[in-house]
Amino acid sequence: MPTATLTGICPECETDLTVPPVVEGETFSCPECMLTLRVDAVRDGRLTLEMVEVQLRDWGQ
């Protein structure tokens, strides 16, 4: 029995992504550019992905 997968495209590097089932709001990293992506929507096996802005800590240096 095949495992269900979802597909999407990284908004940064345009890599085709195939991932196991995820839910809206879940995050994962693009294996190509390492950008953190958030799942905005899942429709008909296709993901709508958004880049997550990474906040770096200000260590006061």
Protein backbone atom coordinates (compact mmCIF):
# COMPACT_ATOMS: atom_id res chain seq x y z
CA MET A 1 0.00 0.00 0.00
CA PRO A 2 1.60 3.33 -1.03
CA THR A 3 2.18 6.00 1.57
CA ALA A 4 0.24 9.24 1.06
CA THR A 5 2.48 12.20 0.29
CA LEU A 6 1.93 15.87 -0.38
CA THR A 7 3.72 18.06 -2.90
CA GLY A 8 4.68 21.71 -3.01
CA ILE A 9 7.29 24.15 -4.28
CA CYS A 10 9.77 26.04 -2.12
CA PRO A 11 9.00 29.76 -2.55
CA GLU A 12 12.71 30.62 -2.29
CA CYS A 13 14.60 28.14 -4.49
CA GLU A 14 11.60 26.66 -6.39
CA THR A 15 12.59 23.08 -5.54
CA ASP A 16 9.80 20.53 -5.97
CA LEU A 17 9.07 19.09 -2.53
CA THR A 18 7.40 15.80 -1.61
CA VAL A 19 6.62 15.39 2.08
CA PRO A 20 4.65 12.99 4.27
CA PRO A 21 1.22 14.21 5.42
CA VAL A 22 1.41 17.51 7.32
CA VAL A 23 -1.17 19.92 8.72
CA GLU A 24 -1.64 23.66 8.35
CA GLY A 25 0.75 25.60 10.57
CA GLU A 26 3.39 22.86 10.63
CA THR A 27 6.95 23.85 9.72
CA PHE A 28 9.82 22.03 8.02
CA SER A 29 13.06 22.88 6.23
CA CYS A 30 13.62 22.84 2.49
CA PRO A 31 16.30 20.18 1.85
CA GLU A 32 17.85 22.30 -0.92
CA CYS A 33 18.13 25.85 0.52
CA MET A 34 17.50 24.98 4.22
CA LEU A 35 14.86 27.72 4.51
CA THR A 36 12.21 27.12 7.17
CA LEU A 37 8.77 26.81 5.56
CA ARG A 38 5.31 26.95 7.13
CA VAL A 39 2.34 25.11 5.64
CA ASP A 40 -0.33 27.74 4.90
CA ALA A 41 -2.83 25.38 3.27
CA VAL A 42 -3.26 21.80 2.10
CA ARG A 43 -5.62 21.34 -0.85
CA ASP A 44 -5.97 18.29 -3.10
CA GLY A 45 -2.54 16.96 -2.13
CA ARG A 46 -0.80 20.29 -2.86
CA LEU A 47 0.85 22.47 -0.23
CA THR A 48 0.80 26.24 -0.11
CA LEU A 49 4.05 27.20 1.61
CA GLU A 50 5.27 30.43 3.21
CA MET A 51 8.80 31.40 4.24
CA VAL A 52 9.25 31.74 7.99
CA GLU A 53 11.20 34.83 8.97
CA VAL A 54 14.00 33.77 11.27
CA GLN A 55 14.62 36.14 14.15
CA LEU A 56 18.24 36.13 15.25
CA ARG A 57 19.05 36.95 18.84
CA ASP A 58 20.71 40.25 19.55
CA TRP A 59 23.46 39.43 22.01
CA GLY A 60 24.33 43.11 22.47
CA GLN A 61 27.72 42.83 20.82
